Amino acid sequence: MKHTRPTGRPSKAVDALLLLGMLLPIAAGIALKVLLVPASEGIEITGAYIFFTLPLPLGGLPITETQVNSWLVMLSLLFLCLYLTRGLSEKAQTKRQHVAEWIVEQTEGLVTSNMGEYFAGFAPFIGAMLALSAFSSLLSLTGLFPPTSDINVTGGWAILVFILITYYKMKCGPVHYLKSFAEPVAFLTPLNVISEIATPVSMAFRHYGNVLSGSVISVLVAAALQGLSQIILGRLPGILGEVPWLRIGIPAVLSVYFDLFSGCLQAFIFAMLTMLYVGGAFPAEDYFKKQEKKKAKRLQTNNN
């Protein structure tokens, strides 16, 4: 008698491979850093390390820790999504499907409550932004350079959001878009223009600044605790005087706040600002009125 595997029950071997695929990119990043990034002595706060530069006609393209680690995070997220969505069935039979459905429901509810039903299709975009931002910041827990502490990354995300804001503001046409700068009164037009330009700048620097400042503070506190430990406990006999006792525990607590809590919080704030700015930029009432007029004109033309 031939036995068949029940549907909705993924094989453990494939699950193990997917879990391994989630961890291997991070392990590869750690190996790259150990092999290629020179060790620092004392306190050293620098940007992303440049692995090599690709020669191009218009100038060299530096390949840094930022690009490499961003791709490693995306690969890990890809395998995580494959793991969570493998073996889906109409009725949830596994814990992973319950987790996947919960993530989808929460993301869709977040988007709908902040942007409205018209933007329900934004849920995958917001979910991807949340995951990429949070996991990029959490990469510092493994000792790797977090991509979100590079202004080029958060700046690129902010420019993308600015393009979306402008696109939805122009849903009623360029004339309506230009008129919006003169609201509520015309003499506020210069301030409205400055506010428009300041939106992506503030989004980029807020995310970048909070993640970078957390890393800097953690390094400075760890170095200060090491020096204080040598001053207070350096006279202990033998190897006991060489151990930086004050560095045990305290930097870990700070890391939990700056890397874990603050990183996830900044990801959530960036996603919330994206939803509020894009949803608020859409002139829904004017857009739907315009669509109704077009529909009425089209029906009148067809009847004639």
Protein backbone atom coordinates (compact mmCIF):
# COMPACT_ATOMS: atom_id res chain seq x y z
CA MET A 1 0.00 0.00 0.00
CA LYS A 2 1.42 3.36 -1.05
CA HIS A 3 1.59 6.07 1.61
CA THR A 4 1.33 9.72 0.61
CA ARG A 5 2.35 12.73 2.64
CA PRO A 6 -0.67 14.73 3.85
CA THR A 7 -1.13 18.10 2.20
CA GLY A 8 -0.15 21.18 4.19
CA ARG A 9 2.61 19.28 6.04
CA PRO A 10 5.97 20.47 4.65
CA SER A 11 8.89 18.05 4.79
CA LYS A 12 11.39 18.66 7.57
CA ALA A 13 14.36 18.39 5.20
CA VAL A 14 13.18 21.30 3.05
CA ASP A 15 12.33 23.29 6.17
CA ALA A 16 15.84 22.74 7.47
CA LEU A 17 17.29 23.94 4.15
CA LEU A 18 15.15 27.08 4.24
CA LEU A 19 16.17 27.82 7.83
CA LEU A 20 19.79 27.26 6.82
CA GLY A 21 19.27 29.66 3.91
CA MET A 22 18.14 32.30 6.43
CA LEU A 23 21.29 31.93 8.53
CA LEU A 24 23.92 31.41 5.82
CA PRO A 25 23.83 35.01 4.47
CA ILE A 26 24.47 36.39 7.97
CA ALA A 27 27.25 33.86 8.53
CA ALA A 28 28.76 34.84 5.17
CA GLY A 29 28.65 38.51 6.19
CA ILE A 30 30.45 37.76 9.46
CA ALA A 31 33.08 35.75 7.56
CA LEU A 32 33.60 38.60 5.08
CA LYS A 33 34.06 41.07 7.90
CA VAL A 34 36.58 38.85 9.72
CA LEU A 35 38.58 38.18 6.55
CA LEU A 36 38.46 41.57 4.80
CA VAL A 37 37.76 44.33 7.34
CA PRO A 38 40.92 45.26 9.27
CA ALA A 39 40.68 45.12 13.06
CA SER A 40 40.51 48.47 14.82
CA GLU A 41 42.46 49.52 17.89
CA GLY A 42 40.67 51.51 20.56
CA ILE A 43 37.67 53.66 19.68
CA GLU A 44 37.08 53.91 15.95
CA ILE A 45 33.80 55.15 14.51
CA THR A 46 33.79 55.06 10.72
CA GLY A 47 31.36 54.54 7.89
CA ALA A 48 30.87 51.40 5.84
CA TYR A 49 34.10 49.65 4.83
CA ILE A 50 34.82 49.67 1.07
CA PHE A 51 35.58 46.13 -0.10
CA PHE A 52 36.54 47.08 -3.67
CA THR A 53 35.68 49.56 -6.44
CA LEU A 54 34.23 48.64 -9.82
CA PRO A 55 35.67 50.72 -12.69
CA LEU A 56 32.94 52.43 -14.73
CA PRO A 57 33.08 54.96 -17.59
CA LEU A 58 31.73 57.78 -15.39
CA GLY A 59 33.77 56.86 -12.31
CA GLY A 60 34.33 54.02 -9.90
CA LEU A 61 31.47 52.29 -8.10
CA PRO A 62 32.54 51.42 -4.52
CA ILE A 63 31.13 48.16 -3.17
CA THR A 64 30.81 48.68 0.57
CA GLU A 65 29.49 46.89 3.63
CA THR A 66 26.22 48.74 3.10
CA GLN A 67 25.45 47.14 -0.28
CA VAL A 68 26.71 43.69 0.71
CA ASN A 69 24.85 43.62 4.03
CA SER A 70 21.66 44.95 2.41
CA TRP A 71 21.68 42.03 -0.04
CA LEU A 72 22.42 39.60 2.79
CA VAL A 73 19.39 40.89 4.70
CA MET A 74 17.19 40.58 1.61
CA LEU A 75 18.38 37.01 1.05
CA SER A 76 17.61 36.12 4.66
CA LEU A 77 14.16 37.69 4.37
CA LEU A 78 13.54 35.78 1.12
CA PHE A 79 14.23 32.45 2.81
CA LEU A 80 12.16 33.50 5.82
CA CYS A 81 9.19 34.26 3.54
CA LEU A 82 9.66 30.94 1.72
CA TYR A 83 9.73 29.16 5.07
CA LEU A 84 6.58 30.87 6.37
CA THR A 85 4.59 30.42 3.16
CA ARG A 86 5.60 26.86 2.31
CA GLY A 87 2.86 24.26 2.56
CA LEU A 88 -0.03 26.71 2.84
CA SER A 89 -3.52 25.24 2.89
CA GLU A 90 -7.04 26.63 2.85
CA LYS A 91 -7.34 25.93 6.57
CA ALA A 92 -4.25 26.68 8.63
CA GLN A 93 -2.68 23.42 9.83
CA THR A 94 0.74 24.62 10.95
CA LYS A 95 2.00 27.26 13.36
CA ARG A 96 3.98 28.94 10.62
CA GLN A 97 0.82 29.48 8.58
CA HIS A 98 -0.84 31.04 11.62
CA VAL A 99 2.19 33.34 11.96
CA ALA A 100 2.13 34.20 8.24
CA GLU A 101 -1.60 34.93 8.30
CA TRP A 102 -1.21 37.06 11.44
CA ILE A 103 1.54 39.13 9.78
CA VAL A 104 -0.59 39.66 6.67
CA GLU A 105 -3.70 40.56 8.67
CA GLN A 106 -1.84 43.01 10.91
CA THR A 107 -0.12 44.69 7.95
CA GLU A 108 -3.35 44.99 5.96
CA GLY A 109 -5.16 46.36 9.01
CA LEU A 110 -2.37 48.89 9.63
CA VAL A 111 -2.45 50.10 6.03
CA THR A 112 -6.25 50.27 5.82
CA SER A 113 -6.62 52.13 9.12
CA ASN A 114 -3.99 54.73 8.21
CA MET A 115 -4.44 55.09 4.44
CA GLY A 116 -7.99 53.95 3.68
CA GLU A 117 -9.46 51.20 1.51
CA TYR A 118 -8.13 52.81 -1.69
CA PHE A 119 -4.56 51.98 -0.60
CA ALA A 120 -5.24 48.38 0.50
CA GLY A 121 -2.79 47.19 -2.18
CA PHE A 122 0.02 49.02 -0.33
CA ALA A 123 0.20 46.29 2.33
CA PRO A 124 3.02 44.27 0.64
CA PHE A 125 5.08 47.44 0.13
CA ILE A 126 4.67 48.58 3.75
CA GLY A 127 5.35 45.06 5.03
CA ALA A 128 8.53 44.81 2.97
CA MET A 129 9.67 48.24 4.17
CA LEU A 130 9.06 47.31 7.80
CA ALA A 131 10.91 44.01 7.51
CA LEU A 132 13.85 45.38 5.54
CA SER A 133 14.30 48.36 7.85
CA ALA A 134 13.96 46.38 11.09
CA PHE A 135 16.23 43.51 10.05
CA SER A 136 18.83 45.92 8.64
CA SER A 137 19.01 47.69 12.01
CA LEU A 138 19.05 44.39 13.93
CA LEU A 139 22.09 43.31 11.91
CA SER A 140 24.24 45.21 14.41
CA LEU A 141 23.42 42.54 17.01
CA THR A 142 25.63 40.16 15.00
CA GLY A 143 28.51 42.65 14.89
CA LEU A 144 27.87 43.59 11.25
CA PHE A 145 27.48 47.11 9.87
CA PRO A 146 23.74 47.98 9.84
CA PRO A 147 22.73 49.39 6.41
CA THR A 148 20.29 51.79 8.07
CA SER A 149 23.25 53.66 9.62
CA ASP A 150 24.22 54.73 6.08
CA ILE A 151 22.47 57.88 4.87
CA ASN A 152 22.53 56.56 1.29
CA VAL A 153 20.14 53.74 2.23
CA THR A 154 17.61 55.77 4.20
CA GLY A 155 17.96 58.58 1.67
CA GLY A 156 17.09 56.20 -1.17
CA TRP A 157 14.01 55.00 0.70
CA ALA A 158 12.97 58.60 1.41
CA ILE A 159 13.33 59.53 -2.29
CA LEU A 160 11.14 56.56 -3.22
CA VAL A 161 8.50 57.72 -0.73
CA PHE A 162 8.75 61.28 -2.10
CA ILE A 163 8.10 59.97 -5.63
CA LEU A 164 5.01 58.15 -4.37
CA ILE A 165 3.81 61.28 -2.56
CA THR A 166 4.20 63.37 -5.72
CA TYR A 167 2.54 60.70 -7.87
CA TYR A 168 -0.59 60.59 -5.73
CA LYS A 169 -0.69 64.36 -5.35
CA MET A 170 -0.80 64.60 -9.16
CA LYS A 171 -3.70 62.15 -9.48
CA CYS A 172 -5.95 65.12 -10.27
CA GLY A 173 -3.48 66.57 -12.75
CA PRO A 174 -0.45 68.89 -12.58
CA VAL A 175 -2.58 72.03 -12.29
CA HIS A 176 -4.31 70.74 -9.18
CA TYR A 177 -0.91 69.75 -7.79
CA LEU A 178 0.55 73.24 -8.30
CA LYS A 179 -2.55 74.86 -6.81
CA SER A 180 -2.07 72.82 -3.62
CA PHE A 181 1.08 74.85 -2.83
CA ALA A 182 -1.07 77.99 -2.52
CA GLU A 183 -3.36 76.47 0.13
CA PRO A 184 -4.77 77.65 2.45
CA VAL A 185 -3.54 81.10 1.39
CA ALA A 186 -1.24 82.14 -1.45
CA PHE A 187 1.45 83.87 0.63
CA LEU A 188 2.26 80.49 2.27
CA THR A 189 3.45 79.08 -1.07
CA PRO A 190 7.21 79.40 -0.26
CA LEU A 191 6.71 77.61 3.06
CA ASN A 192 4.71 74.86 1.36
CA VAL A 193 7.48 74.36 -1.20
CA ILE A 194 10.09 74.15 1.57
CA SER A 195 7.89 71.71 3.46
CA GLU A 196 7.60 69.54 0.35
CA ILE A 197 11.37 69.36 -0.06
CA ALA A 198 11.97 68.88 3.66
CA THR A 199 9.75 65.77 3.83
CA PRO A 200 12.23 63.25 2.32
CA VAL A 201 15.18 64.98 4.01
CA SER A 202 13.62 64.70 7.47
CA MET A 203 12.56 61.07 6.90
CA ALA A 204 16.07 60.07 5.79
CA PHE A 205 17.94 61.85 8.58
CA ARG A 206 15.52 60.77 11.32
CA HIS A 207 15.98 57.06 10.58
CA TYR A 208 19.69 57.31 9.84
CA GLY A 209 20.46 59.55 12.81
CA ASN A 210 18.70 57.40 15.39
CA VAL A 211 20.36 54.16 14.28
CA LEU A 212 23.82 55.73 13.95
CA SER A 213 23.60 57.57 17.26
CA GLY A 214 22.70 54.34 19.03
CA SER A 215 25.80 52.62 17.64
CA VAL A 216 28.02 55.57 18.57
CA ILE A 217 26.66 55.79 22.12
CA SER A 218 27.10 52.04 22.64
CA VAL A 219 30.75 52.22 21.53
CA LEU A 220 31.52 55.26 23.68
CA VAL A 221 29.89 53.78 26.78
CA ALA A 222 31.71 50.47 26.31
CA ALA A 223 35.06 52.28 25.96
CA ALA A 224 34.33 54.47 29.00
CA LEU A 225 33.41 51.46 31.11
CA GLN A 226 36.62 49.71 30.11
CA GLY A 227 38.70 52.72 31.18
CA LEU A 228 36.74 53.09 34.42
CA SER A 229 37.21 49.39 35.15
CA GLN A 230 40.98 49.74 34.79
CA ILE A 231 41.02 52.76 37.10
CA ILE A 232 38.87 51.23 39.85
CA LEU A 233 39.65 47.52 39.60
CA GLY A 234 43.01 47.55 37.80
CA ARG A 235 44.92 46.94 41.04
CA LEU A 236 43.37 43.53 41.60
CA PRO A 237 45.99 40.76 41.64
CA GLY A 238 46.90 38.84 38.48
CA ILE A 239 44.43 38.35 35.68
CA LEU A 240 41.58 39.76 37.79
CA GLY A 241 42.96 43.27 37.24
CA GLU A 242 43.01 42.81 33.48
CA VAL A 243 39.35 41.83 33.13
CA PRO A 244 37.09 44.83 32.25
CA TRP A 245 34.49 43.93 34.86
CA LEU A 246 32.34 47.01 34.34
CA ARG A 247 31.85 46.12 30.67
CA ILE A 248 30.07 42.91 31.62
CA GLY A 249 26.32 43.26 31.23
CA ILE A 250 25.86 47.03 30.87
CA PRO A 251 26.74 47.27 27.12
CA ALA A 252 24.44 44.29 26.50
CA VAL A 253 21.53 46.13 28.13
CA LEU A 254 22.27 49.22 26.05
CA SER A 255 22.44 47.06 22.93
CA VAL A 256 18.99 45.66 23.67
CA TYR A 257 17.60 49.20 23.71
CA PHE A 258 19.55 50.85 20.87
CA ASP A 259 19.74 47.86 18.52
CA LEU A 260 16.58 45.94 19.27
CA PHE A 261 13.96 48.36 20.57
CA SER A 262 15.13 51.54 18.84
CA GLY A 263 15.81 49.76 15.52
CA CYS A 264 12.32 48.24 15.40
CA LEU A 265 10.77 51.52 16.59
CA GLN A 266 12.47 53.51 13.82
CA ALA A 267 11.31 50.98 11.24
CA PHE A 268 7.74 51.37 12.47
CA ILE A 269 7.99 55.19 12.51
CA PHE A 270 9.37 55.25 8.95
CA ALA A 271 6.54 53.00 7.75
CA MET A 272 3.94 55.10 9.59
CA LEU A 273 5.28 58.33 8.08
CA THR A 274 5.21 56.73 4.64
CA MET A 275 1.55 55.76 5.06
CA LEU A 276 0.53 59.14 6.49
CA TYR A 277 2.39 61.20 3.88
CA VAL A 278 1.23 59.13 0.89
CA GLY A 279 -2.34 58.74 2.16
CA GLY A 280 -2.55 62.42 3.10
CA ALA A 281 -1.16 63.54 -0.26
CA PHE A 282 -3.97 61.83 -2.19
CA PRO A 283 -6.83 64.28 -2.91
CA ALA A 284 -9.46 61.57 -2.62
CA GLU A 285 -12.56 63.78 -2.78
CA ASP A 286 -11.39 65.75 -5.83
CA TYR A 287 -10.10 62.59 -7.52
CA PHE A 288 -13.36 60.66 -7.19
CA LYS A 289 -15.37 63.70 -8.34
CA LYS A 290 -13.15 63.91 -11.39
CA GLN A 291 -13.61 60.20 -12.07
CA GLU A 292 -17.40 60.55 -11.79
CA LYS A 293 -17.39 63.45 -14.26
CA LYS A 294 -15.29 61.40 -16.70
CA LYS A 295 -17.65 58.46 -16.32
CA ALA A 296 -20.71 60.66 -16.88
CA LYS A 297 -19.13 62.27 -19.93
CA ARG A 298 -18.22 58.84 -21.33
CA LEU A 299 -21.78 57.57 -20.87
CA GLN A 300 -23.16 60.68 -22.51
CA THR A 301 -20.84 60.23 -25.47
CA ASN A 302 -21.84 56.58 -25.84
CA ASN A 303 -25.54 57.44 -25.70
CA ASN A 304 -25.11 60.06 -28.42
